[in-house]
Amino acid sequence: MQKVCFSDREKFSEPYRLHPPKIGKTQHNALYESRWKTQHNALYESRWKTQHNALYESRWKTQHNALYESRWKTQHNALYESRWKTQHNALYESRCGVGTKLYRGFCRNSDDRS
């Protein structure tokens, strides 16, 4: 059996217990930086995308709807209001006497004094 001094035991056993064996900075950085970047990016990119999309999608939808709804309403109203007015006027103006004034001037009834 060999005689081991306290100083020899300290040399061989203590450094590994107090300080883990060193790995290269490249390996260390590759492991921890990539892990940090992944978590960091996953957190902040998704947060940024959510805010960015919420802002710009709603702005785009608002502008898009404002443009195309107003264009559709204008075309729709121009087409259907004029058609409705024409039919409406043709039907109700003749009943209200608007269209019969010319006819009244040529034909006189016994009730018509003018």
Protein backbone atom coordinates (compact mmCIF):
# COMPACT_ATOMS: atom_id res chain seq x y z
CA MET A 1 0.00 0.00 0.00
CA GLN A 2 1.30 3.38 -0.94
CA LYS A 3 1.50 6.18 1.46
CA VAL A 4 -0.49 9.16 0.18
CA CYS A 5 0.11 12.59 1.54
CA PHE A 6 -2.74 14.99 2.17
CA SER A 7 -1.30 17.36 -0.38
CA ASP A 8 -1.29 14.62 -3.03
CA ARG A 9 -4.92 13.72 -2.30
CA GLU A 10 -5.82 17.39 -2.61
CA LYS A 11 -4.13 17.60 -5.97
CA PHE A 12 -6.03 14.73 -7.50
CA SER A 13 -9.48 14.84 -5.96
CA GLU A 14 -10.35 18.42 -5.03
CA PRO A 15 -10.11 20.26 -8.33
CA TYR A 16 -12.79 18.11 -9.93
CA ARG A 17 -15.17 18.58 -7.05
CA LEU A 18 -14.80 22.36 -6.83
CA HIS A 19 -14.50 23.14 -10.52
CA PRO A 20 -16.07 20.98 -13.16
CA PRO A 21 -13.80 20.05 -16.04
CA LYS A 22 -13.57 22.86 -18.53
CA ILE A 23 -15.09 22.48 -21.91
CA GLY A 24 -14.10 24.82 -24.67
CA LYS A 25 -15.75 28.22 -24.94
CA THR A 26 -17.05 27.30 -28.34
CA GLN A 27 -18.94 24.30 -27.02
CA HIS A 28 -20.17 26.24 -24.01
CA ASN A 29 -21.36 29.17 -26.08
CA ALA A 30 -22.84 26.94 -28.72
CA LEU A 31 -24.86 25.16 -26.08
CA TYR A 32 -26.00 28.05 -23.89
CA GLU A 33 -26.19 30.86 -26.43
CA SER A 34 -28.25 28.83 -28.83
CA ARG A 35 -30.53 27.77 -25.98
CA TRP A 36 -30.86 31.38 -24.83
CA LYS A 37 -31.41 32.64 -28.35
CA THR A 38 -34.05 30.03 -29.00
CA GLN A 39 -35.98 30.87 -25.85
CA HIS A 40 -35.43 34.60 -26.30
CA ASN A 41 -36.51 34.58 -29.92
CA ALA A 42 -39.46 32.32 -29.24
CA LEU A 43 -40.66 34.74 -26.60
CA TYR A 44 -39.96 38.09 -28.22
CA GLU A 45 -40.46 37.24 -31.87
CA SER A 46 -43.86 35.74 -31.18
CA ARG A 47 -44.76 38.73 -29.04
CA TRP A 48 -43.56 41.12 -31.75
CA LYS A 49 -45.37 39.18 -34.46
CA THR A 50 -48.56 39.21 -32.46
CA GLN A 51 -48.42 42.95 -31.86
CA HIS A 52 -47.23 43.64 -35.40
CA ASN A 53 -49.96 41.54 -36.95
CA ALA A 54 -52.61 42.92 -34.64
CA LEU A 55 -51.64 46.44 -35.64
CA TYR A 56 -51.05 46.06 -39.35
CA GLU A 57 -53.67 43.44 -40.15
CA SER A 58 -56.40 45.48 -38.52
CA ARG A 59 -55.11 48.62 -40.25
CA TRP A 60 -55.06 46.81 -43.60
CA LYS A 61 -58.50 45.38 -43.02
CA THR A 62 -59.85 48.79 -42.10
CA GLN A 63 -58.38 50.45 -45.18
CA HIS A 64 -59.33 47.51 -47.38
CA ASN A 65 -62.90 47.48 -46.13
CA ALA A 66 -63.21 51.24 -46.27
CA LEU A 67 -62.07 51.20 -49.89
CA TYR A 68 -63.99 48.22 -51.18
CA GLU A 69 -67.17 48.65 -49.14
CA SER A 70 -67.52 52.26 -50.20
CA ARG A 71 -66.76 51.32 -53.81
CA TRP A 72 -69.33 48.52 -53.64
CA LYS A 73 -71.92 50.76 -51.99
CA THR A 74 -71.38 53.48 -54.58
CA GLN A 75 -71.76 51.09 -57.49
CA HIS A 76 -74.60 49.24 -55.82
CA ASN A 77 -76.49 52.42 -54.98
CA ALA A 78 -75.86 53.95 -58.38
CA LEU A 79 -77.29 50.87 -60.02
CA TYR A 80 -80.15 49.94 -57.73
CA GLU A 81 -81.28 53.34 -56.48
CA SER A 82 -81.65 54.70 -59.98
CA ARG A 83 -83.49 51.54 -61.02
CA TRP A 84 -85.74 51.74 -57.95
CA LYS A 85 -86.42 55.46 -58.46
CA THR A 86 -87.30 54.92 -62.08
CA GLN A 87 -89.74 52.13 -61.28
CA HIS A 88 -91.06 53.94 -58.23
CA ASN A 89 -91.59 57.20 -60.09
CA ALA A 90 -93.16 55.50 -63.06
CA LEU A 91 -95.62 53.80 -60.78
CA TYR A 92 -96.43 56.46 -58.19
CA GLU A 93 -96.08 59.71 -60.15
CA SER A 94 -98.80 58.61 -62.50
CA ARG A 95 -101.04 57.90 -59.51
CA CYS A 96 -100.28 61.22 -57.86
CA GLY A 97 -101.12 63.20 -60.95
CA VAL A 98 -97.64 64.31 -61.84
CA GLY A 99 -97.71 62.56 -65.16
CA THR A 100 -101.33 63.48 -65.98
CA LYS A 101 -101.04 67.29 -66.17
CA LEU A 102 -100.26 67.25 -69.85
CA TYR A 103 -103.18 64.98 -70.50
CA ARG A 104 -105.53 67.21 -68.47
CA GLY A 105 -104.78 70.16 -70.68
CA PHE A 106 -106.06 68.41 -73.76
CA CYS A 107 -109.04 66.62 -72.32
CA ARG A 108 -111.59 68.52 -70.28
CA ASN A 109 -114.08 66.82 -68.10
CA SER A 110 -117.15 68.42 -66.68
CA ASP A 111 -115.49 68.45 -63.26
CA ASP A 112 -112.33 70.16 -64.52
CA ARG A 113 -112.81 73.96 -64.44
CA SER A 114 -109.31 75.09 -65.32
